[in-house]
Amino acid sequence: MKSMKSTLLALSAFLLINCPVFADQAPGDTVYITQAGSNGTITTEKTETTGNPDTITVKQEGSSSYEKAEVKLAGNGNHSATVNQNGDHDKAEMSQLGIGDTAEINQSGGSGNSTKLIQGDLSVGDTAAVNQLGVGNTGDITQNGVSDIAAISQTGSGNAADITQGDLSVGETAAITQVGSGTKGEIFQYGLGDNAAISQTAEGNHATITQELAGENNKATINQNTGGNGNTASIDQYGKNHTALIDQRGSSNSANVEQSGMLQQARIMQSGNSNIAMITQHQ
């Protein structure tokens, strides 16, 4: 049976540009690589001792240029990684060190986007996806828990999104959606069964959600809507079974929620301009 190394060498003959492609794969795994454009780089590496198969799919084609994709897999296998790029000066990095993780990066129709996705050596069954369709966006996901899910979607310009789900997190869900420009969204979760979502469809807004270690089944949502610019919002939750919502439709507003203990609920709605709201609940 043809080895994976010979398969990659045969595949590289069909590449439409003379870009470096590196791969270190074991027999039985699946690799699919396509390049078309200029000055693209693809690097794939794999370290696995018992589990198979690992699947890697990388595409850099169309009118793309100066793109770079790097995928690294380790651990006990059962990984799946997908990178699709079709823009200018894009860069995607992906590293999966755990077991049974799934990751996907798509960058298309834009330029100057950057994505970094890491699923660490303690991760098991994590899922992560980054989709970028804009200009100058940055999306980063770091997961090191069990059965965590993270997703970033960016279709504006100059946005930044960061999701971190920590070492002891289990069953966490996080999503950031950015359609505006110049926005920043951050989610940090370290608990059990927490859910966090940020939606930003205006300009110059900043939102942060933190759900701390030893937290459980907390839910946090921040919406910064079209027509509201320059808003800031933050939710910080400790404890169990909290619910927090911040909805901002005006401009230059500030909102903060902090909850600890158990079974707290908080809601802030801002539709005017230059308002300040704060809710603090402790038990």
C-alpha atoms as a PDB file:
ATOM      1  CA  MET A   1       0.000   0.000   0.000  1.00  0.00           C
ATOM      2  CA  LYS A   2       1.311   3.409  -0.934  1.00  0.00           C
ATOM      3  CA  SER A   3       2.667   5.246   2.075  1.00  0.00           C
ATOM      4  CA  MET A   4       1.300   8.588   3.183  1.00  0.00           C
ATOM      5  CA  LYS A   5       4.637  10.194   2.334  1.00  0.00           C
ATOM      6  CA  SER A   6       4.426   9.101  -1.301  1.00  0.00           C
ATOM      7  CA  THR A   7       0.818  10.203  -1.451  1.00  0.00           C
ATOM      8  CA  LEU A   8       1.792  13.701  -0.355  1.00  0.00           C
ATOM      9  CA  LEU A   9       4.617  13.834  -2.889  1.00  0.00           C
ATOM     10  CA  ALA A  10       2.229  12.881  -5.666  1.00  0.00           C
ATOM     11  CA  LEU A  11      -0.296  15.410  -4.484  1.00  0.00           C
ATOM     12  CA  SER A  12       2.272  18.205  -4.399  1.00  0.00           C
ATOM     13  CA  ALA A  13       2.864  17.769  -8.124  1.00  0.00           C
ATOM     14  CA  PHE A  14      -0.589  19.150  -8.770  1.00  0.00           C
ATOM     15  CA  LEU A  15      -0.123  22.319  -6.777  1.00  0.00           C
ATOM     16  CA  LEU A  16      -0.597  25.359  -8.959  1.00  0.00           C
ATOM     17  CA  ILE A  17       2.119  27.393  -7.268  1.00  0.00           C
ATOM     18  CA  ASN A  18       5.608  26.611  -6.107  1.00  0.00           C
ATOM     19  CA  CYS A  19       4.994  26.972  -2.380  1.00  0.00           C
ATOM     20  CA  PRO A  20       6.528  24.853   0.372  1.00  0.00           C
ATOM     21  CA  VAL A  21       4.326  22.093   1.732  1.00  0.00           C
ATOM     22  CA  PHE A  22       5.509  19.973   4.644  1.00  0.00           C
ATOM     23  CA  ALA A  23       3.740  17.006   6.228  1.00  0.00           C
ATOM     24  CA  ASP A  24       4.561  14.318   8.779  1.00  0.00           C
ATOM     25  CA  GLN A  25       1.754  11.789   8.766  1.00  0.00           C
ATOM     26  CA  ALA A  26       1.272   8.149   9.687  1.00  0.00           C
ATOM     27  CA  PRO A  27      -0.316   5.500   7.452  1.00  0.00           C
ATOM     28  CA  GLY A  28      -4.085   5.327   7.643  1.00  0.00           C
ATOM     29  CA  ASP A  29      -4.521   9.078   8.133  1.00  0.00           C
ATOM     30  CA  THR A  30      -6.134  11.360   5.556  1.00  0.00           C
ATOM     31  CA  VAL A  31      -4.546  14.523   4.164  1.00  0.00           C
ATOM     32  CA  TYR A  32      -5.927  16.764   1.410  1.00  0.00           C
ATOM     33  CA  ILE A  33      -3.999  19.887   0.369  1.00  0.00           C
ATOM     34  CA  THR A  34      -4.689  22.354  -2.456  1.00  0.00           C
ATOM     35  CA  GLN A  35      -2.861  25.607  -3.238  1.00  0.00           C
ATOM     36  CA  ALA A  36      -3.401  28.210  -5.965  1.00  0.00           C
ATOM     37  CA  GLY A  37      -2.145  31.783  -5.767  1.00  0.00           C
ATOM     38  CA  SER A  38       1.260  33.135  -4.806  1.00  0.00           C
ATOM     39  CA  ASN A  39       3.734  32.749  -1.952  1.00  0.00           C
ATOM     40  CA  GLY A  40       1.480  30.474   0.091  1.00  0.00           C
ATOM     41  CA  THR A  41       2.879  28.147   2.762  1.00  0.00           C
ATOM     42  CA  ILE A  42       1.347  24.999   4.222  1.00  0.00           C
ATOM     43  CA  THR A  43       2.892  23.015   7.062  1.00  0.00           C
ATOM     44  CA  THR A  44       1.270  19.959   8.627  1.00  0.00           C
ATOM     45  CA  GLU A  45       2.720  17.902  11.467  1.00  0.00           C
ATOM     46  CA  LYS A  46       1.341  14.971  13.407  1.00  0.00           C
ATOM     47  CA  THR A  47       2.382  13.038  16.524  1.00  0.00           C
ATOM     48  CA  GLU A  48       0.130  10.179  17.562  1.00  0.00           C
ATOM     49  CA  THR A  49       0.762   6.900  19.380  1.00  0.00           C
ATOM     50  CA  THR A  50      -2.413   4.793  19.349  1.00  0.00           C
ATOM     51  CA  GLY A  51      -5.517   6.409  17.826  1.00  0.00           C
ATOM     52  CA  ASN A  52      -6.373   6.759  14.143  1.00  0.00           C
ATOM     53  CA  PRO A  53      -7.378   8.428  11.958  1.00  0.00           C
ATOM     54  CA  ASP A  54      -6.412  12.081  11.961  1.00  0.00           C
ATOM     55  CA  THR A  55      -7.909  14.148   9.127  1.00  0.00           C
ATOM     56  CA  ILE A  56      -6.434  17.358   7.702  1.00  0.00           C
ATOM     57  CA  THR A  57      -7.930  19.409   4.864  1.00  0.00           C
ATOM     58  CA  VAL A  58      -6.204  22.621   3.768  1.00  0.00           C
ATOM     59  CA  LYS A  59      -7.192  24.839   0.819  1.00  0.00           C
ATOM     60  CA  GLN A  60      -5.491  28.026  -0.339  1.00  0.00           C
ATOM     61  CA  GLU A  61      -6.794  28.844  -3.777  1.00  0.00           C
ATOM     62  CA  GLY A  62      -8.542  31.323  -6.067  1.00  0.00           C
ATOM     63  CA  SER A  63      -7.013  34.805  -6.084  1.00  0.00           C
ATOM     64  CA  SER A  64      -5.282  34.376  -2.737  1.00  0.00           C
ATOM     65  CA  SER A  65      -1.763  35.608  -2.029  1.00  0.00           C
ATOM     66  CA  TYR A  66       0.745  35.733   0.839  1.00  0.00           C
ATOM     67  CA  GLU A  67      -1.277  33.168   2.777  1.00  0.00           C
ATOM     68  CA  LYS A  68       0.113  30.789   5.369  1.00  0.00           C
ATOM     69  CA  ALA A  69      -1.570  27.825   7.007  1.00  0.00           C
ATOM     70  CA  GLU A  70      -0.004  25.697   9.722  1.00  0.00           C
ATOM     71  CA  VAL A  71      -1.663  22.653  11.308  1.00  0.00           C
ATOM     72  CA  LYS A  72      -0.168  20.550  14.078  1.00  0.00           C
ATOM     73  CA  LEU A  73      -1.759  17.467  15.634  1.00  0.00           C
ATOM     74  CA  ALA A  74      -0.552  15.440  18.617  1.00  0.00           C
ATOM     75  CA  GLY A  75      -1.869  13.175  21.369  1.00  0.00           C
ATOM     76  CA  ASN A  76      -3.791   9.979  20.768  1.00  0.00           C
ATOM     77  CA  GLY A  77      -5.366  10.852  17.463  1.00  0.00           C
ATOM     78  CA  ASN A  78      -8.999  11.178  16.366  1.00  0.00           C
ATOM     79  CA  HIS A  79      -8.378  14.810  15.414  1.00  0.00           C
ATOM     80  CA  SER A  80      -9.940  16.673  12.529  1.00  0.00           C
ATOM     81  CA  ALA A  81      -8.668  19.990  11.167  1.00  0.00           C
ATOM     82  CA  THR A  82      -9.857  22.131   8.242  1.00  0.00           C
ATOM     83  CA  VAL A  83      -8.388  25.378   6.898  1.00  0.00           C
ATOM     84  CA  ASN A  84      -9.852  27.298   3.932  1.00  0.00           C
ATOM     85  CA  GLN A  85      -8.305  30.602   2.829  1.00  0.00           C
ATOM     86  CA  ASN A  86      -9.217  32.767  -0.144  1.00  0.00           C
ATOM     87  CA  GLY A  87      -8.028  36.304   0.525  1.00  0.00           C
ATOM     88  CA  ASP A  88      -4.936  38.483   0.763  1.00  0.00           C
ATOM     89  CA  HIS A  89      -2.186  38.303   3.385  1.00  0.00           C
ATOM     90  CA  ASP A  90      -4.194  35.863   5.518  1.00  0.00           C
ATOM     91  CA  LYS A  91      -2.622  33.684   8.178  1.00  0.00           C
ATOM     92  CA  ALA A  92      -4.094  30.693   9.967  1.00  0.00           C
ATOM     93  CA  GLU A  93      -2.474  28.643  12.721  1.00  0.00           C
ATOM     94  CA  MET A  94      -3.945  25.573  14.345  1.00  0.00           C
ATOM     95  CA  SER A  95      -2.565  23.264  17.019  1.00  0.00           C
ATOM     96  CA  GLN A  96      -4.414  20.300  18.523  1.00  0.00           C
ATOM     97  CA  LEU A  97      -2.681  18.408  21.303  1.00  0.00           C
ATOM     98  CA  GLY A  98      -5.560  16.586  22.967  1.00  0.00           C
ATOM     99  CA  ILE A  99      -7.861  13.713  22.020  1.00  0.00           C
ATOM    100  CA  GLY A 100     -10.822  13.744  19.667  1.00  0.00           C
ATOM    101  CA  ASP A 101     -10.786  17.496  19.019  1.00  0.00           C
ATOM    102  CA  THR A 102     -12.302  19.182  15.954  1.00  0.00           C
ATOM    103  CA  ALA A 103     -11.266  22.555  14.533  1.00  0.00           C
ATOM    104  CA  GLU A 104     -12.142  24.617  11.472  1.00  0.00           C
ATOM    105  CA  ILE A 105     -10.857  27.940  10.110  1.00  0.00           C
ATOM    106  CA  ASN A 106     -12.333  29.775   7.115  1.00  0.00           C
ATOM    107  CA  GLN A 107     -10.933  33.054   5.785  1.00  0.00           C
ATOM    108  CA  SER A 108     -12.442  34.280   2.528  1.00  0.00           C
ATOM    109  CA  GLY A 109     -13.311  37.427   0.639  1.00  0.00           C
ATOM    110  CA  GLY A 110     -11.184  39.689   2.806  1.00  0.00           C
ATOM    111  CA  SER A 111      -7.614  40.722   3.495  1.00  0.00           C
ATOM    112  CA  GLY A 112      -5.302  41.062   6.461  1.00  0.00           C
ATOM    113  CA  ASN A 113      -7.228  38.615   8.634  1.00  0.00           C
ATOM    114  CA  SER A 114      -5.451  36.512  11.264  1.00  0.00           C
ATOM    115  CA  THR A 115      -6.557  33.426  13.173  1.00  0.00           C
ATOM    116  CA  LYS A 116      -4.906  31.376  15.889  1.00  0.00           C
ATOM    117  CA  LEU A 117      -6.573  28.284  17.294  1.00  0.00           C
ATOM    118  CA  ILE A 118      -5.078  26.138  20.065  1.00  0.00           C
ATOM    119  CA  GLN A 119      -6.610  23.087  21.715  1.00  0.00           C
ATOM    120  CA  GLY A 120      -4.203  22.061  24.427  1.00  0.00           C
ATOM    121  CA  ASP A 121      -2.784  18.811  25.710  1.00  0.00           C
ATOM    122  CA  LEU A 122      -5.526  18.470  28.340  1.00  0.00           C
ATOM    123  CA  SER A 123      -8.374  18.944  25.882  1.00  0.00           C
ATOM    124  CA  VAL A 124     -10.740  16.077  25.089  1.00  0.00           C
ATOM    125  CA  GLY A 125     -13.501  16.291  22.494  1.00  0.00           C
ATOM    126  CA  ASP A 126     -13.351  20.072  22.111  1.00  0.00           C
ATOM    127  CA  THR A 127     -14.808  21.802  19.045  1.00  0.00           C
ATOM    128  CA  ALA A 128     -13.701  25.169  17.668  1.00  0.00           C
ATOM    129  CA  ALA A 129     -14.507  27.183  14.545  1.00  0.00           C
ATOM    130  CA  VAL A 130     -13.432  30.591  13.209  1.00  0.00           C
ATOM    131  CA  ASN A 131     -15.057  32.197  10.159  1.00  0.00           C
ATOM    132  CA  GLN A 132     -13.741  35.508   8.819  1.00  0.00           C
ATOM    133  CA  LEU A 133     -15.220  37.449   5.905  1.00  0.00           C
ATOM    134  CA  GLY A 134     -13.867  40.960   6.215  1.00  0.00           C
ATOM    135  CA  VAL A 135     -10.703  43.019   6.470  1.00  0.00           C
ATOM    136  CA  GLY A 136      -8.135  43.179   9.256  1.00  0.00           C
ATOM    137  CA  ASN A 137      -9.967  40.948  11.727  1.00  0.00           C
ATOM    138  CA  THR A 138      -8.293  38.877  14.436  1.00  0.00           C
ATOM    139  CA  GLY A 139      -9.854  35.746  15.931  1.00  0.00           C
ATOM    140  CA  ASP A 140      -8.197  33.592  18.611  1.00  0.00           C
ATOM    141  CA  ILE A 141      -9.523  30.507  20.413  1.00  0.00           C
ATOM    142  CA  THR A 142      -7.733  28.610  23.176  1.00  0.00           C
ATOM    143  CA  GLN A 143      -9.332  25.525  24.741  1.00  0.00           C
ATOM    144  CA  ASN A 144      -7.932  23.045  27.215  1.00  0.00           C
ATOM    145  CA  GLY A 145     -11.018  21.457  28.714  1.00  0.00           C
ATOM    146  CA  VAL A 146     -13.425  18.620  27.999  1.00  0.00           C
ATOM    147  CA  SER A 147     -16.254  18.793  25.428  1.00  0.00           C
ATOM    148  CA  ASP A 148     -16.042  22.579  25.154  1.00  0.00           C
ATOM    149  CA  ILE A 149     -17.428  24.407  22.108  1.00  0.00           C
ATOM    150  CA  ALA A 150     -16.203  27.764  20.797  1.00  0.00           C
ATOM    151  CA  ALA A 151     -17.124  29.727  17.667  1.00  0.00           C
ATOM    152  CA  ILE A 152     -16.095  33.106  16.236  1.00  0.00           C
ATOM    153  CA  SER A 153     -17.760  34.744  13.235  1.00  0.00           C
ATOM    154  CA  GLN A 154     -16.406  38.040  11.838  1.00  0.00           C
ATOM    155  CA  THR A 155     -17.788  39.809   8.759  1.00  0.00           C
ATOM    156  CA  GLY A 156     -16.777  43.422   9.420  1.00  0.00           C
ATOM    157  CA  SER A 157     -13.386  45.082   9.554  1.00  0.00           C
ATOM    158  CA  GLY A 158     -10.820  45.714  12.252  1.00  0.00           C
ATOM    159  CA  ASN A 159     -12.564  43.498  14.804  1.00  0.00           C
ATOM    160  CA  ALA A 160     -10.857  41.419  17.504  1.00  0.00           C
ATOM    161  CA  ALA A 161     -12.314  38.321  19.173  1.00  0.00           C
ATOM    162  CA  ASP A 162     -10.740  36.118  21.837  1.00  0.00           C
ATOM    163  CA  ILE A 163     -12.218  33.012  23.497  1.00  0.00           C
ATOM    164  CA  THR A 164     -10.405  31.139  26.264  1.00  0.00           C
ATOM    165  CA  GLN A 165     -11.854  28.037  27.946  1.00  0.00           C
ATOM    166  CA  GLY A 166      -9.463  26.888  30.608  1.00  0.00           C
ATOM    167  CA  ASP A 167      -7.800  23.772  31.959  1.00  0.00           C
ATOM    168  CA  LEU A 168     -10.634  22.553  34.183  1.00  0.00           C
ATOM    169  CA  SER A 169     -13.575  23.617  32.042  1.00  0.00           C
ATOM    170  CA  VAL A 170     -16.157  20.976  31.070  1.00  0.00           C
ATOM    171  CA  GLY A 171     -19.024  21.373  28.621  1.00  0.00           C
ATOM    172  CA  GLU A 172     -18.577  25.115  28.167  1.00  0.00           C
ATOM    173  CA  THR A 173     -20.087  26.940  25.171  1.00  0.00           C
ATOM    174  CA  ALA A 174     -18.866  30.291  23.855  1.00  0.00           C
ATOM    175  CA  ALA A 175     -19.725  32.300  20.741  1.00  0.00           C
ATOM    176  CA  ILE A 176     -18.707  35.730  19.445  1.00  0.00           C
ATOM    177  CA  THR A 177     -20.390  37.279  16.395  1.00  0.00           C
ATOM    178  CA  GLN A 178     -19.040  40.539  14.969  1.00  0.00           C
ATOM    179  CA  VAL A 179     -20.623  42.292  11.977  1.00  0.00           C
ATOM    180  CA  GLY A 180     -19.502  45.855  12.679  1.00  0.00           C
ATOM    181  CA  SER A 181     -16.051  47.409  12.686  1.00  0.00           C
ATOM    182  CA  GLY A 182     -13.487  48.220  15.328  1.00  0.00           C
ATOM    183  CA  THR A 183     -15.173  46.058  17.959  1.00  0.00           C
ATOM    184  CA  LYS A 184     -13.557  43.830  20.589  1.00  0.00           C
ATOM    185  CA  GLY A 185     -15.143  40.772  22.183  1.00  0.00           C
ATOM    186  CA  GLU A 186     -13.609  38.560  24.870  1.00  0.00           C
ATOM    187  CA  ILE A 187     -14.924  35.451  26.632  1.00  0.00           C
ATOM    188  CA  PHE A 188     -13.092  33.634  29.447  1.00  0.00           C
ATOM    189  CA  GLN A 189     -14.649  30.506  30.985  1.00  0.00           C
ATOM    190  CA  TYR A 190     -13.238  28.035  33.475  1.00  0.00           C
ATOM    191  CA  GLY A 191     -16.252  26.250  34.942  1.00  0.00           C
ATOM    192  CA  LEU A 192     -18.769  23.514  34.211  1.00  0.00           C
ATOM    193  CA  GLY A 193     -21.612  23.800  31.707  1.00  0.00           C
ATOM    194  CA  ASP A 194     -21.428  27.585  31.336  1.00  0.00           C
ATOM    195  CA  ASN A 195     -22.757  29.417  28.284  1.00  0.00           C
ATOM    196  CA  ALA A 196     -21.550  32.785  26.970  1.00  0.00           C
ATOM    197  CA  ALA A 197     -22.472  34.763  23.866  1.00  0.00           C
ATOM    198  CA  ILE A 198     -21.446  38.170  22.509  1.00  0.00           C
ATOM    199  CA  SER A 199     -23.082  39.798  19.493  1.00  0.00           C
ATOM    200  CA  GLN A 200     -21.626  43.048  18.115  1.00  0.00           C
ATOM    201  CA  THR A 201     -23.183  44.659  15.045  1.00  0.00           C
ATOM    202  CA  ALA A 202     -22.128  48.305  15.444  1.00  0.00           C
ATOM    203  CA  GLU A 203     -18.802  50.135  15.671  1.00  0.00           C
ATOM    204  CA  GLY A 204     -16.186  50.663  18.355  1.00  0.00           C
ATOM    205  CA  ASN A 205     -17.857  48.541  21.028  1.00  0.00           C
ATOM    206  CA  HIS A 206     -16.082  46.454  23.673  1.00  0.00           C
ATOM    207  CA  ALA A 207     -17.593  43.452  25.489  1.00  0.00           C
ATOM    208  CA  THR A 208     -16.080  41.032  28.014  1.00  0.00           C
ATOM    209  CA  ILE A 209     -17.596  37.972  29.712  1.00  0.00           C
ATOM    210  CA  THR A 210     -15.761  36.102  32.472  1.00  0.00           C
ATOM    211  CA  GLN A 211     -17.198  33.013  34.155  1.00  0.00           C
ATOM    212  CA  GLU A 212     -14.792  31.906  36.804  1.00  0.00           C
ATOM    213  CA  LEU A 213     -13.287  28.670  38.072  1.00  0.00           C
ATOM    214  CA  ALA A 214     -15.730  26.577  40.156  1.00  0.00           C
ATOM    215  CA  GLY A 215     -18.662  28.193  38.369  1.00  0.00           C
ATOM    216  CA  GLU A 216     -21.443  25.946  37.103  1.00  0.00           C
ATOM    217  CA  ASN A 217     -24.342  26.308  34.664  1.00  0.00           C
ATOM    218  CA  ASN A 218     -24.045  30.071  34.362  1.00  0.00           C
ATOM    219  CA  LYS A 219     -25.358  31.952  31.335  1.00  0.00           C
ATOM    220  CA  ALA A 220     -24.174  35.344  30.101  1.00  0.00           C
ATOM    221  CA  THR A 221     -25.220  37.310  27.013  1.00  0.00           C
ATOM    222  CA  ILE A 222     -24.106  40.709  25.705  1.00  0.00           C
ATOM    223  CA  ASN A 223     -25.780  42.314  22.683  1.00  0.00           C
ATOM    224  CA  GLN A 224     -24.353  45.511  21.221  1.00  0.00           C
ATOM    225  CA  ASN A 225     -26.726  46.374  18.424  1.00  0.00           C
ATOM    226  CA  THR A 226     -26.738  48.299  15.159  1.00  0.00           C
ATOM    227  CA  GLY A 227     -26.863  52.046  15.708  1.00  0.00           C
ATOM    228  CA  GLY A 228     -25.085  51.877  19.060  1.00  0.00           C
ATOM    229  CA  ASN A 229     -21.416  52.839  18.934  1.00  0.00           C
ATOM    230  CA  GLY A 230     -18.663  53.213  21.512  1.00  0.00           C
ATOM    231  CA  ASN A 231     -20.341  51.096  24.185  1.00  0.00           C
ATOM    232  CA  THR A 232     -18.598  49.001  26.842  1.00  0.00           C
ATOM    233  CA  ALA A 233     -20.112  46.019  28.652  1.00  0.00           C
ATOM    234  CA  SER A 234     -18.808  43.376  31.033  1.00  0.00           C
ATOM    235  CA  ILE A 235     -20.244  40.397  32.900  1.00  0.00           C
ATOM    236  CA  ASP A 236     -18.320  38.607  35.650  1.00  0.00           C
ATOM    237  CA  GLN A 237     -19.943  35.589  37.310  1.00  0.00           C
ATOM    238  CA  TYR A 238     -18.815  33.328  40.154  1.00  0.00           C
ATOM    239  CA  GLY A 239     -20.894  30.510  41.572  1.00  0.00           C
ATOM    240  CA  LYS A 240     -23.765  28.519  40.110  1.00  0.00           C
ATOM    241  CA  ASN A 241     -26.901  28.929  38.002  1.00  0.00           C
ATOM    242  CA  HIS A 242     -26.618  32.652  37.329  1.00  0.00           C
ATOM    243  CA  THR A 243     -28.171  34.443  34.368  1.00  0.00           C
ATOM    244  CA  ALA A 244     -27.027  37.825  33.085  1.00  0.00           C
ATOM    245  CA  LEU A 245     -28.044  39.884  30.047  1.00  0.00           C
ATOM    246  CA  ILE A 246     -26.768  43.238  28.791  1.00  0.00           C
ATOM    247  CA  ASP A 247     -28.438  44.811  25.754  1.00  0.00           C
ATOM    248  CA  GLN A 248     -27.118  48.108  24.384  1.00  0.00           C
ATOM    249  CA  ARG A 249     -28.791  50.043  21.536  1.00  0.00           C
ATOM    250  CA  GLY A 250     -27.531  53.567  22.182  1.00  0.00           C
ATOM    251  CA  SER A 251     -24.025  55.016  22.074  1.00  0.00           C
ATOM    252  CA  SER A 252     -21.266  55.657  24.621  1.00  0.00           C
ATOM    253  CA  ASN A 253     -22.991  53.576  27.287  1.00  0.00           C
ATOM    254  CA  SER A 254     -21.318  51.572  30.031  1.00  0.00           C
ATOM    255  CA  ALA A 255     -22.769  48.492  31.737  1.00  0.00           C
ATOM    256  CA  ASN A 256     -21.357  46.031  34.260  1.00  0.00           C
ATOM    257  CA  VAL A 257     -22.789  42.952  35.990  1.00  0.00           C
ATOM    258  CA  GLU A 258     -21.038  41.037  38.769  1.00  0.00           C
ATOM    259  CA  GLN A 259     -22.678  38.053  40.458  1.00  0.00           C
ATOM    260  CA  SER A 260     -21.571  35.427  42.970  1.00  0.00           C
ATOM    261  CA  GLY A 261     -23.307  32.805  45.053  1.00  0.00           C
ATOM    262  CA  MET A 262     -26.233  30.951  43.494  1.00  0.00           C
ATOM    263  CA  LEU A 263     -29.329  31.574  41.365  1.00  0.00           C
ATOM    264  CA  GLN A 264     -28.790  35.275  40.712  1.00  0.00           C
ATOM    265  CA  GLN A 265     -30.410  37.037  37.754  1.00  0.00           C
ATOM    266  CA  ALA A 266     -29.442  40.394  36.269  1.00  0.00           C
ATOM    267  CA  ARG A 267     -30.589  42.375  33.237  1.00  0.00           C
ATOM    268  CA  ILE A 268     -29.465  45.738  31.869  1.00  0.00           C
ATOM    269  CA  MET A 269     -31.129  47.404  28.872  1.00  0.00           C
ATOM    270  CA  GLN A 270     -29.645  50.628  27.490  1.00  0.00           C
ATOM    271  CA  SER A 271     -31.233  52.458  24.539  1.00  0.00           C
ATOM    272  CA  GLY A 272     -30.082  56.043  25.128  1.00  0.00           C
ATOM    273  CA  ASN A 273     -26.648  57.635  25.082  1.00  0.00           C
ATOM    274  CA  SER A 274     -23.905  58.102  27.688  1.00  0.00           C
ATOM    275  CA  ASN A 275     -25.634  56.034  30.367  1.00  0.00           C
ATOM    276  CA  ILE A 276     -23.896  54.113  33.158  1.00  0.00           C
ATOM    277  CA  ALA A 277     -25.379  51.008  34.789  1.00  0.00           C
ATOM    278  CA  MET A 278     -23.966  48.570  37.333  1.00  0.00           C
ATOM    279  CA  ILE A 279     -25.442  45.524  39.079  1.00  0.00           C
ATOM    280  CA  THR A 280     -23.552  43.720  41.849  1.00  0.00           C
ATOM    281  CA  GLN A 281     -25.089  40.714  43.619  1.00  0.00           C
ATOM    282  CA  HIS A 282     -23.367  38.586  46.257  1.00  0.00           C
ATOM    283  CA  GLN A 283     -24.457  35.894  48.659  1.00  0.00           C
END
